[in-house]
C-alpha atoms as a PDB file:
ATOM      1  CA  UNK A   1     132.728  93.828 131.103  1.00  0.00           C
ATOM      2  CA  UNK A   2     134.639  90.579 131.711  1.00  0.00           C
ATOM      3  CA  UNK A   3     138.435  90.603 131.478  1.00  0.00           C
ATOM      4  CA  UNK A   4     141.263  88.367 132.595  1.00  0.00           C
ATOM      5  CA  UNK A   5     145.002  88.203 133.124  1.00  0.00           C
ATOM      6  CA  UNK A   6     147.502  85.661 134.387  1.00  0.00           C
ATOM      7  CA  UNK A   7     149.981  85.891 137.263  1.00  0.00           C
ATOM      8  CA  UNK A   8     152.743  83.587 138.408  1.00  0.00           C
ATOM      9  CA  UNK A   9     152.619  82.267 141.960  1.00  0.00           C
ATOM     10  CA  UNK A  10     154.277  79.627 144.133  1.00  0.00           C
ATOM     11  CA  UNK A  11     151.347  77.299 143.301  1.00  0.00           C
ATOM     12  CA  UNK A  12     151.603  77.843 139.535  1.00  0.00           C
ATOM     13  CA  UNK A  13     150.073  80.255 137.079  1.00  0.00           C
ATOM     14  CA  UNK A  14     146.827  81.809 138.303  1.00  0.00           C
ATOM     15  CA  UNK A  15     144.165  83.189 135.978  1.00  0.00           C
ATOM     16  CA  UNK A  16     142.423  86.243 137.422  1.00  0.00           C
ATOM     17  CA  UNK A  17     138.993  87.187 136.070  1.00  0.00           C
ATOM     18  CA  UNK A  18     137.197  90.473 136.690  1.00  0.00           C
ATOM     19  CA  UNK A  19     133.671  91.682 136.106  1.00  0.00           C
ATOM     20  CA  UNK A  20     133.992  95.429 135.762  1.00  0.00           C
ATOM     21  CA  UNK A  21     136.121  96.452 138.761  1.00  0.00           C
ATOM     22  CA  UNK A  22     135.588  93.381 140.953  1.00  0.00           C
ATOM     23  CA  UNK A  23     137.468  90.091 141.089  1.00  0.00           C
ATOM     24  CA  UNK A  24     135.136  87.275 140.009  1.00  0.00           C
ATOM     25  CA  UNK A  25     137.575  84.438 139.450  1.00  0.00           C
ATOM     26  CA  UNK A  26     140.947  83.111 140.525  1.00  0.00           C
ATOM     27  CA  UNK A  27     141.697  79.802 138.869  1.00  0.00           C
ATOM     28  CA  UNK A  28     144.707  77.511 139.067  1.00  0.00           C
ATOM     29  CA  UNK A  29     146.119  75.467 136.213  1.00  0.00           C
ATOM     30  CA  UNK A  30     144.248  72.178 135.789  1.00  0.00           C
ATOM     31  CA  UNK A  31     141.728  73.169 138.434  1.00  0.00           C
ATOM     32  CA  UNK A  32     138.621  71.051 138.676  1.00  0.00           C
ATOM     33  CA  UNK A  33     135.490  73.042 137.709  1.00  0.00           C
ATOM     34  CA  UNK A  34     137.602  75.630 135.872  1.00  0.00           C
ATOM     35  CA  UNK A  35     135.355  77.374 133.338  1.00  0.00           C
ATOM     36  CA  UNK A  36     136.393  77.345 129.674  1.00  0.00           C
ATOM     37  CA  UNK A  37     139.049  79.926 128.776  1.00  0.00           C
ATOM     38  CA  UNK A  38     136.697  81.711 126.360  1.00  0.00           C
ATOM     39  CA  UNK A  39     134.383  82.623 129.274  1.00  0.00           C
ATOM     40  CA  UNK A  40     137.160  84.757 130.823  1.00  0.00           C
ATOM     41  CA  UNK A  41     136.665  87.648 128.394  1.00  0.00           C
ATOM     42  CA  UNK A  42     139.382  89.707 126.797  1.00  0.00           C
ATOM     43  CA  UNK A  43     142.904  89.695 128.170  1.00  0.00           C
ATOM     44  CA  UNK A  44     143.314  93.091 129.791  1.00  0.00           C
ATOM     45  CA  UNK A  45     144.704  94.703 132.894  1.00  0.00           C
ATOM     46  CA  UNK A  46     141.662  95.790 134.907  1.00  0.00           C
ATOM     47  CA  UNK A  47     142.507  98.012 137.908  1.00  0.00           C
ATOM     48  CA  UNK A  48     141.495  95.274 140.371  1.00  0.00           C
ATOM     49  CA  UNK A  49     144.261  93.042 138.984  1.00  0.00           C
ATOM     50  CA  UNK A  50     147.039  95.358 140.232  1.00  0.00           C
ATOM     51  CA  UNK A  51     145.679  95.233 143.787  1.00  0.00           C
ATOM     52  CA  UNK A  52     145.080  91.479 143.536  1.00  0.00           C
ATOM     53  CA  UNK A  53     148.704  90.949 142.448  1.00  0.00           C
ATOM     54  CA  UNK A  54     149.946  93.102 145.320  1.00  0.00           C
ATOM     55  CA  UNK A  55     147.851  91.237 147.898  1.00  0.00           C
ATOM     56  CA  UNK A  56     148.771  87.816 146.485  1.00  0.00           C
ATOM     57  CA  UNK A  57     152.484  88.681 146.726  1.00  0.00           C
ATOM     58  CA  UNK A  58     152.000  89.773 150.335  1.00  0.00           C
ATOM     59  CA  UNK A  59     150.020  86.600 151.098  1.00  0.00           C
ATOM     60  CA  UNK A  60     152.669  84.309 149.629  1.00  0.00           C
ATOM     61  CA  UNK A  61     155.367  86.288 151.468  1.00  0.00           C
ATOM     62  CA  UNK A  62     153.517  85.600 154.738  1.00  0.00           C
ATOM     63  CA  UNK A  63     152.691  89.273 155.323  1.00  0.00           C
ATOM     64  CA  UNK A  64     148.941  89.220 154.501  1.00  0.00           C
ATOM     65  CA  UNK A  65     146.410  87.192 156.467  1.00  0.00           C
ATOM     66  CA  UNK A  66     143.151  88.538 155.021  1.00  0.00           C
ATOM     67  CA  UNK A  67     142.394  89.720 151.501  1.00  0.00           C
ATOM     68  CA  UNK A  68     140.557  92.991 151.005  1.00  0.00           C
ATOM     69  CA  UNK A  69     139.376  93.087 147.414  1.00  0.00           C
ATOM     70  CA  UNK A  70     136.079  93.914 145.713  1.00  0.00           C
ATOM     71  CA  UNK A  71     134.501  90.563 144.829  1.00  0.00           C
ATOM     72  CA  UNK A  72     131.755  89.624 142.397  1.00  0.00           C
ATOM     73  CA  UNK A  73     130.282  86.167 143.054  1.00  0.00           C
ATOM     74  CA  UNK A  74     128.363  84.348 140.343  1.00  0.00           C
ATOM     75  CA  UNK A  75     126.483  81.395 141.807  1.00  0.00           C
ATOM     76  CA  UNK A  76     123.311  80.298 143.513  1.00  0.00           C
ATOM     77  CA  UNK A  77     122.248  82.083 146.711  1.00  0.00           C
ATOM     78  CA  UNK A  78     123.336  79.017 148.725  1.00  0.00           C
ATOM     79  CA  UNK A  79     126.759  78.916 147.053  1.00  0.00           C
ATOM     80  CA  UNK A  80     127.234  82.616 147.698  1.00  0.00           C
ATOM     81  CA  UNK A  81     126.355  82.113 151.390  1.00  0.00           C
ATOM     82  CA  UNK A  82     128.981  79.392 151.635  1.00  0.00           C
ATOM     83  CA  UNK A  83     131.608  81.468 149.815  1.00  0.00           C
ATOM     84  CA  UNK A  84     131.006  84.452 152.095  1.00  0.00           C
ATOM     85  CA  UNK A  85     131.291  82.204 155.162  1.00  0.00           C
ATOM     86  CA  UNK A  86     134.645  80.908 153.901  1.00  0.00           C
ATOM     87  CA  UNK A  87     136.024  84.423 154.243  1.00  0.00           C
ATOM     88  CA  UNK A  88     135.418  84.279 158.003  1.00  0.00           C
ATOM     89  CA  UNK A  89     137.682  81.264 158.581  1.00  0.00           C
ATOM     90  CA  UNK A  90     140.782  82.698 160.291  1.00  0.00           C
ATOM     91  CA  UNK A  91     144.117  82.524 158.527  1.00  0.00           C
ATOM     92  CA  UNK A  92     146.134  79.479 159.544  1.00  0.00           C
ATOM     93  CA  UNK A  93     143.140  77.511 160.837  1.00  0.00           C
ATOM     94  CA  UNK A  94     140.802  74.899 159.420  1.00  0.00           C
ATOM     95  CA  UNK A  95     137.192  73.899 159.941  1.00  0.00           C
ATOM     96  CA  UNK A  96     135.224  70.868 158.801  1.00  0.00           C
ATOM     97  CA  UNK A  97     132.480  70.766 156.203  1.00  0.00           C
ATOM     98  CA  UNK A  98     130.029  70.092 159.044  1.00  0.00           C
ATOM     99  CA  UNK A  99     131.176  73.173 160.940  1.00  0.00           C
ATOM    100  CA  UNK A 100     130.844  75.243 157.775  1.00  0.00           C
ATOM    101  CA  UNK A 101     127.326  73.873 157.278  1.00  0.00           C
ATOM    102  CA  UNK A 102     126.486  75.034 160.825  1.00  0.00           C
ATOM    103  CA  UNK A 103     127.894  78.487 160.057  1.00  0.00           C
ATOM    104  CA  UNK A 104     125.656  78.928 157.018  1.00  0.00           C
ATOM    105  CA  UNK A 105     122.586  77.829 158.963  1.00  0.00           C
ATOM    106  CA  UNK A 106     122.197  74.429 157.280  1.00  0.00           C
ATOM    107  CA  UNK A 107     123.610  71.911 159.774  1.00  0.00           C
ATOM    108  CA  UNK A 108     122.331  68.885 157.825  1.00  0.00           C
ATOM    109  CA  UNK A 109     123.807  70.103 154.538  1.00  0.00           C
ATOM    110  CA  UNK A 110     127.506  69.302 154.881  1.00  0.00           C
ATOM    111  CA  UNK A 111     127.473  67.490 151.518  1.00  0.00           C
ATOM    112  CA  UNK A 112     125.865  70.495 149.776  1.00  0.00           C
ATOM    113  CA  UNK A 113     128.364  72.762 151.521  1.00  0.00           C
ATOM    114  CA  UNK A 114     131.158  70.560 150.181  1.00  0.00           C
ATOM    115  CA  UNK A 115     129.802  70.867 146.650  1.00  0.00           C
ATOM    116  CA  UNK A 116     129.526  74.656 146.962  1.00  0.00           C
ATOM    117  CA  UNK A 117     133.020  74.800 148.438  1.00  0.00           C
ATOM    118  CA  UNK A 118     134.337  72.847 145.455  1.00  0.00           C
ATOM    119  CA  UNK A 119     132.745  75.336 143.066  1.00  0.00           C
ATOM    120  CA  UNK A 120     134.354  78.366 144.723  1.00  0.00           C
ATOM    121  CA  UNK A 121     135.326  80.587 141.788  1.00  0.00           C
ATOM    122  CA  UNK A 122     137.808  82.756 143.703  1.00  0.00           C
ATOM    123  CA  UNK A 123     140.302  80.309 145.168  1.00  0.00           C
ATOM    124  CA  UNK A 124     142.962  81.421 147.669  1.00  0.00           C
ATOM    125  CA  UNK A 125     141.285  84.828 148.169  1.00  0.00           C
ATOM    126  CA  UNK A 126     138.117  83.017 149.289  1.00  0.00           C
ATOM    127  CA  UNK A 127     139.908  80.355 151.339  1.00  0.00           C
ATOM    128  CA  UNK A 128     138.136  77.100 150.513  1.00  0.00           C
ATOM    129  CA  UNK A 129     141.469  75.365 151.203  1.00  0.00           C
ATOM    130  CA  UNK A 130     140.796  75.880 154.940  1.00  0.00           C
ATOM    131  CA  UNK A 131     137.952  73.330 154.934  1.00  0.00           C
ATOM    132  CA  UNK A 132     138.889  69.750 155.827  1.00  0.00           C
ATOM    133  CA  UNK A 133     137.190  66.408 156.380  1.00  0.00           C
ATOM    134  CA  UNK A 134     135.505  65.495 159.657  1.00  0.00           C
ATOM    135  CA  UNK A 135     138.677  63.775 160.887  1.00  0.00           C
ATOM    136  CA  UNK A 136     140.884  66.728 159.949  1.00  0.00           C
ATOM    137  CA  UNK A 137     142.087  65.000 156.788  1.00  0.00           C
ATOM    138  CA  UNK A 138     142.788  66.976 153.643  1.00  0.00           C
ATOM    139  CA  UNK A 139     139.963  66.225 151.242  1.00  0.00           C
ATOM    140  CA  UNK A 140     138.439  67.571 148.080  1.00  0.00           C
ATOM    141  CA  UNK A 141     140.395  70.569 146.848  1.00  0.00           C
ATOM    142  CA  UNK A 142     139.754  71.658 143.263  1.00  0.00           C
ATOM    143  CA  UNK A 143     143.350  72.805 142.890  1.00  0.00           C
ATOM    144  CA  UNK A 144     144.681  69.443 144.061  1.00  0.00           C
ATOM    145  CA  UNK A 145     145.636  68.200 147.521  1.00  0.00           C
ATOM    146  CA  UNK A 146     149.304  69.131 147.041  1.00  0.00           C
ATOM    147  CA  UNK A 147     148.335  72.786 146.551  1.00  0.00           C
ATOM    148  CA  UNK A 148     145.925  72.636 149.501  1.00  0.00           C
ATOM    149  CA  UNK A 149     148.715  71.295 151.719  1.00  0.00           C
ATOM    150  CA  UNK A 150     151.076  74.004 150.423  1.00  0.00           C
ATOM    151  CA  UNK A 151     148.597  76.806 151.208  1.00  0.00           C
ATOM    152  CA  UNK A 152     147.844  75.464 154.690  1.00  0.00           C
ATOM    153  CA  UNK A 153     151.553  74.975 155.452  1.00  0.00           C
ATOM    154  CA  UNK A 154     152.264  78.495 154.223  1.00  0.00           C
ATOM    155  CA  UNK A 155     149.563  79.936 156.477  1.00  0.00           C
ATOM    156  CA  UNK A 156     150.647  77.960 159.515  1.00  0.00           C
ATOM    157  CA  UNK A 157     154.243  79.047 158.979  1.00  0.00           C
ATOM    158  CA  UNK A 158     153.231  82.650 158.487  1.00  0.00           C
ATOM    159  CA  UNK A 159     151.050  82.482 161.581  1.00  0.00           C
ATOM    160  CA  UNK A 160     153.938  81.144 163.674  1.00  0.00           C
ATOM    161  CA  UNK A 161     156.100  84.053 162.518  1.00  0.00           C
ATOM    162  CA  UNK A 162     153.788  86.644 164.091  1.00  0.00           C
END
């Protein structure tokens, strides 16, 4: 069963989508590659949404550095490999698309990794914002570069507080 809800955040309203009891989507307003609203199912308050809200609040408060939620990925096997690898990028750090390609065992596939990264359906929780260009520049974030900068600044500030 697919359900959704919306939550306010420092980066705007977020739409949470669940398949049964697992988070399958976290989308920002005007996000590139955002599925159509009708694909989000009925508006409901699935149990996973309460825990997602709690963890998002803690993340934005600087108290949470790693999400622990049941996730349901819908994508190709390659995309899913990339999305799982994103979860291993430490809070407050960044890696390049090339480094991510190495981590998923496809060192020549940095462009394909970038495309998979851009299609990440569970933003913030699956931290695609931690991937940067080869020179360290902020590039290609589906939620917009301003949001990417905000999330990275938040994490670096939270990291310095520990």
